[in-house]
């Protein structure tokens, strides 16, 4: 048994967070091939992806659709999972948190963004290559990297249509 005096010191943030928080993000592509980037004060006004926490009992795909609708007012079709990343106390985020980011490639026929003004303060539709000229958080940059890798790979199959993959 470990006494309280033998435990490593914990920051205030890690005391309130018991487990890493699973979250979803949406790399949304419109009919012109542009991606939606959202500017958030939580990321010190960097561009990021719309998304958020997975609620208990909610699938990741349902969480992506719900978060996108809440934050930017779009209905999306979830195509496939792009990338899983871990963010442990990222200095780019306004709080000390441990996240697991599960980012999805999504399509939207609608481009009429309706910002929630709580999570997202601004947005931009840009071609993926042009996104690198914006102030991106590092996790969004990696997701765009993966999207561009997969879009240039003819052998990339949609995991959502693969019967061996369970989401």
Protein backbone atom coordinates (compact mmCIF):
# COMPACT_ATOMS: atom_id res chain seq x y z
CA UNK A 1 0.00 0.00 0.00
CA UNK A 2 1.19 3.49 -0.79
CA UNK A 3 0.73 6.27 1.71
CA UNK A 4 -0.27 9.74 0.46
CA UNK A 5 3.24 10.98 1.31
CA UNK A 6 4.81 8.45 -1.09
CA UNK A 7 2.77 9.41 -4.15
CA UNK A 8 4.40 11.54 -6.82
CA UNK A 9 3.33 15.15 -6.78
CA UNK A 10 0.37 15.86 -9.03
CA UNK A 11 -0.60 19.12 -10.63
CA UNK A 12 -4.05 20.50 -9.90
CA UNK A 13 -5.18 19.60 -13.43
CA UNK A 14 -4.17 15.97 -13.15
CA UNK A 15 -5.96 15.59 -9.81
CA UNK A 16 -9.30 16.57 -11.35
CA UNK A 17 -8.74 14.45 -14.47
CA UNK A 18 -8.75 10.77 -13.55
CA UNK A 19 -8.40 9.24 -17.03
CA UNK A 20 -7.40 10.52 -20.47
CA UNK A 21 -10.40 12.02 -22.28
CA UNK A 22 -11.37 10.41 -25.60
CA UNK A 23 -12.39 13.04 -28.14
CA UNK A 24 -13.27 13.11 -31.83
CA UNK A 25 -12.34 15.61 -34.50
CA UNK A 26 -13.64 16.15 -38.02
CA UNK A 27 -11.51 17.00 -41.03
CA UNK A 28 -14.43 18.19 -43.17
CA UNK A 29 -14.02 18.37 -46.94
CA UNK A 30 -16.50 20.24 -49.16
CA UNK A 31 -17.40 19.61 -52.82
CA UNK A 32 -14.51 21.83 -54.01
CA UNK A 33 -11.94 19.83 -52.02
CA UNK A 34 -11.45 22.54 -49.38
CA UNK A 35 -11.21 21.67 -45.69
CA UNK A 36 -12.90 23.48 -42.82
CA UNK A 37 -10.60 24.85 -40.14
CA UNK A 38 -12.00 26.40 -36.99
CA UNK A 39 -10.27 29.00 -34.82
CA UNK A 40 -10.64 28.44 -31.09
CA UNK A 41 -9.65 30.50 -28.06
CA UNK A 42 -9.00 27.17 -26.28
CA UNK A 43 -6.08 26.65 -28.67
CA UNK A 44 -4.80 30.22 -28.24
CA UNK A 45 -6.51 31.29 -31.49
CA UNK A 46 -4.90 28.58 -33.57
CA UNK A 47 -6.89 26.81 -36.25
CA UNK A 48 -8.07 23.37 -35.22
CA UNK A 49 -10.74 20.85 -36.18
CA UNK A 50 -14.34 20.93 -34.99
CA UNK A 51 -14.88 18.19 -32.44
CA UNK A 52 -15.15 17.31 -28.80
CA UNK A 53 -15.82 14.65 -26.20
CA UNK A 54 -17.48 11.33 -26.78
CA UNK A 55 -20.44 10.99 -24.46
CA UNK A 56 -21.04 7.78 -22.49
CA UNK A 57 -23.00 5.34 -24.67
CA UNK A 58 -22.27 7.30 -27.86
CA UNK A 59 -20.34 5.85 -30.79
CA UNK A 60 -17.36 7.77 -32.13
CA UNK A 61 -19.15 8.33 -35.44
CA UNK A 62 -22.25 9.69 -33.69
CA UNK A 63 -20.01 11.91 -31.54
CA UNK A 64 -18.33 13.39 -34.64
CA UNK A 65 -21.69 14.14 -36.25
CA UNK A 66 -23.08 15.70 -33.04
CA UNK A 67 -20.01 17.81 -32.27
CA UNK A 68 -19.80 19.15 -35.84
CA UNK A 69 -23.50 20.05 -35.78
CA UNK A 70 -23.13 21.77 -32.38
CA UNK A 71 -19.96 23.72 -33.18
CA UNK A 72 -20.29 24.65 -36.86
CA UNK A 73 -23.89 23.76 -37.78
CA UNK A 74 -23.03 21.28 -40.55
CA UNK A 75 -24.36 17.80 -41.24
CA UNK A 76 -21.51 15.54 -42.28
CA UNK A 77 -20.99 12.13 -43.78
CA UNK A 78 -18.25 10.30 -41.90
CA UNK A 79 -16.00 8.58 -44.46
CA UNK A 80 -13.26 6.99 -42.36
CA UNK A 81 -10.93 7.34 -39.41
CA UNK A 82 -7.74 9.21 -40.26
CA UNK A 83 -5.60 9.28 -37.18
CA UNK A 84 -5.41 8.67 -33.44
CA UNK A 85 -3.15 10.98 -31.44
CA UNK A 86 -2.39 11.48 -27.79
CA UNK A 87 -2.02 14.94 -26.27
CA UNK A 88 -0.58 15.00 -22.79
CA UNK A 89 -0.62 18.47 -21.24
CA UNK A 90 -0.10 20.11 -24.65
CA UNK A 91 1.18 23.67 -24.17
CA UNK A 92 -0.97 24.69 -27.17
CA UNK A 93 -4.15 24.02 -25.17
CA UNK A 94 -5.40 26.41 -22.52
CA UNK A 95 -5.72 23.75 -19.78
CA UNK A 96 -3.48 20.93 -18.62
CA UNK A 97 -5.38 17.95 -19.97
CA UNK A 98 -4.63 14.49 -21.29
CA UNK A 99 -6.62 13.79 -24.47
CA UNK A 100 -6.87 10.95 -26.94
CA UNK A 101 -7.80 12.52 -30.30
CA UNK A 102 -9.62 10.32 -32.81
CA UNK A 103 -9.86 12.27 -36.05
CA UNK A 104 -12.17 11.40 -38.93
CA UNK A 105 -12.35 12.37 -42.59
CA UNK A 106 -15.84 13.73 -43.22
CA UNK A 107 -17.66 15.16 -46.23
CA UNK A 108 -20.16 17.99 -46.29
CA UNK A 109 -22.28 19.18 -49.20
CA UNK A 110 -23.22 22.30 -47.23
CA UNK A 111 -20.74 25.13 -46.70
CA UNK A 112 -22.98 27.44 -44.64
CA UNK A 113 -21.15 27.40 -41.32
CA UNK A 114 -23.07 28.53 -38.24
CA UNK A 115 -20.58 29.09 -35.43
CA UNK A 116 -21.59 28.31 -31.87
CA UNK A 117 -19.42 31.24 -30.64
CA UNK A 118 -18.53 29.25 -27.49
CA UNK A 119 -15.99 26.75 -28.75
CA UNK A 120 -15.29 28.27 -32.16
CA UNK A 121 -14.80 31.98 -32.89
CA UNK A 122 -13.92 31.95 -36.60
CA UNK A 123 -13.48 29.54 -39.51
CA UNK A 124 -11.95 29.22 -42.93
CA UNK A 125 -12.50 26.90 -45.91
CA UNK A 126 -9.05 26.34 -47.46
CA UNK A 127 -7.35 23.89 -49.78
CA UNK A 128 -5.40 21.38 -47.66
CA UNK A 129 -2.00 22.57 -48.92
CA UNK A 130 -2.86 26.19 -48.14
CA UNK A 131 -3.75 25.22 -44.56
CA UNK A 132 -0.05 25.00 -43.76
CA UNK A 133 0.15 28.78 -44.18
CA UNK A 134 -2.25 29.25 -41.25
CA UNK A 135 -1.52 29.13 -37.55
CA UNK A 136 -2.48 25.49 -36.88
CA UNK A 137 -2.22 23.47 -33.71
CA UNK A 138 0.28 20.63 -34.13
CA UNK A 139 -2.38 17.91 -33.89
CA UNK A 140 -4.44 19.42 -36.72
CA UNK A 141 -1.26 19.68 -38.80
CA UNK A 142 -0.65 15.93 -38.33
CA UNK A 143 -4.24 15.11 -39.26
CA UNK A 144 -3.93 17.15 -42.47
CA UNK A 145 -0.64 15.36 -43.19
CA UNK A 146 -2.42 12.00 -42.85
CA UNK A 147 -5.34 13.13 -45.03
CA UNK A 148 -2.95 14.20 -47.79
CA UNK A 149 -1.00 10.93 -47.51
CA UNK A 150 -4.19 8.88 -47.79
CA UNK A 151 -5.65 10.96 -50.61
CA UNK A 152 -2.52 10.26 -52.67
CA UNK A 153 -2.57 6.56 -51.86
CA UNK A 154 -4.71 4.48 -54.19
CA UNK A 155 -4.76 1.54 -51.78
CA UNK A 156 -6.35 3.33 -48.83
CA UNK A 157 -9.66 1.67 -48.03
CA UNK A 158 -12.41 3.05 -45.85
CA UNK A 159 -12.23 1.34 -42.46
CA UNK A 160 -15.90 2.11 -41.86
CA UNK A 161 -16.73 -0.27 -44.73
CA UNK A 162 -14.24 -2.93 -43.62
CA UNK A 163 -16.13 -5.72 -41.79
CA UNK A 164 -13.00 -6.63 -39.80
CA UNK A 165 -12.89 -3.20 -38.14
CA UNK A 166 -15.24 -2.49 -35.25
CA UNK A 167 -15.93 1.11 -34.28
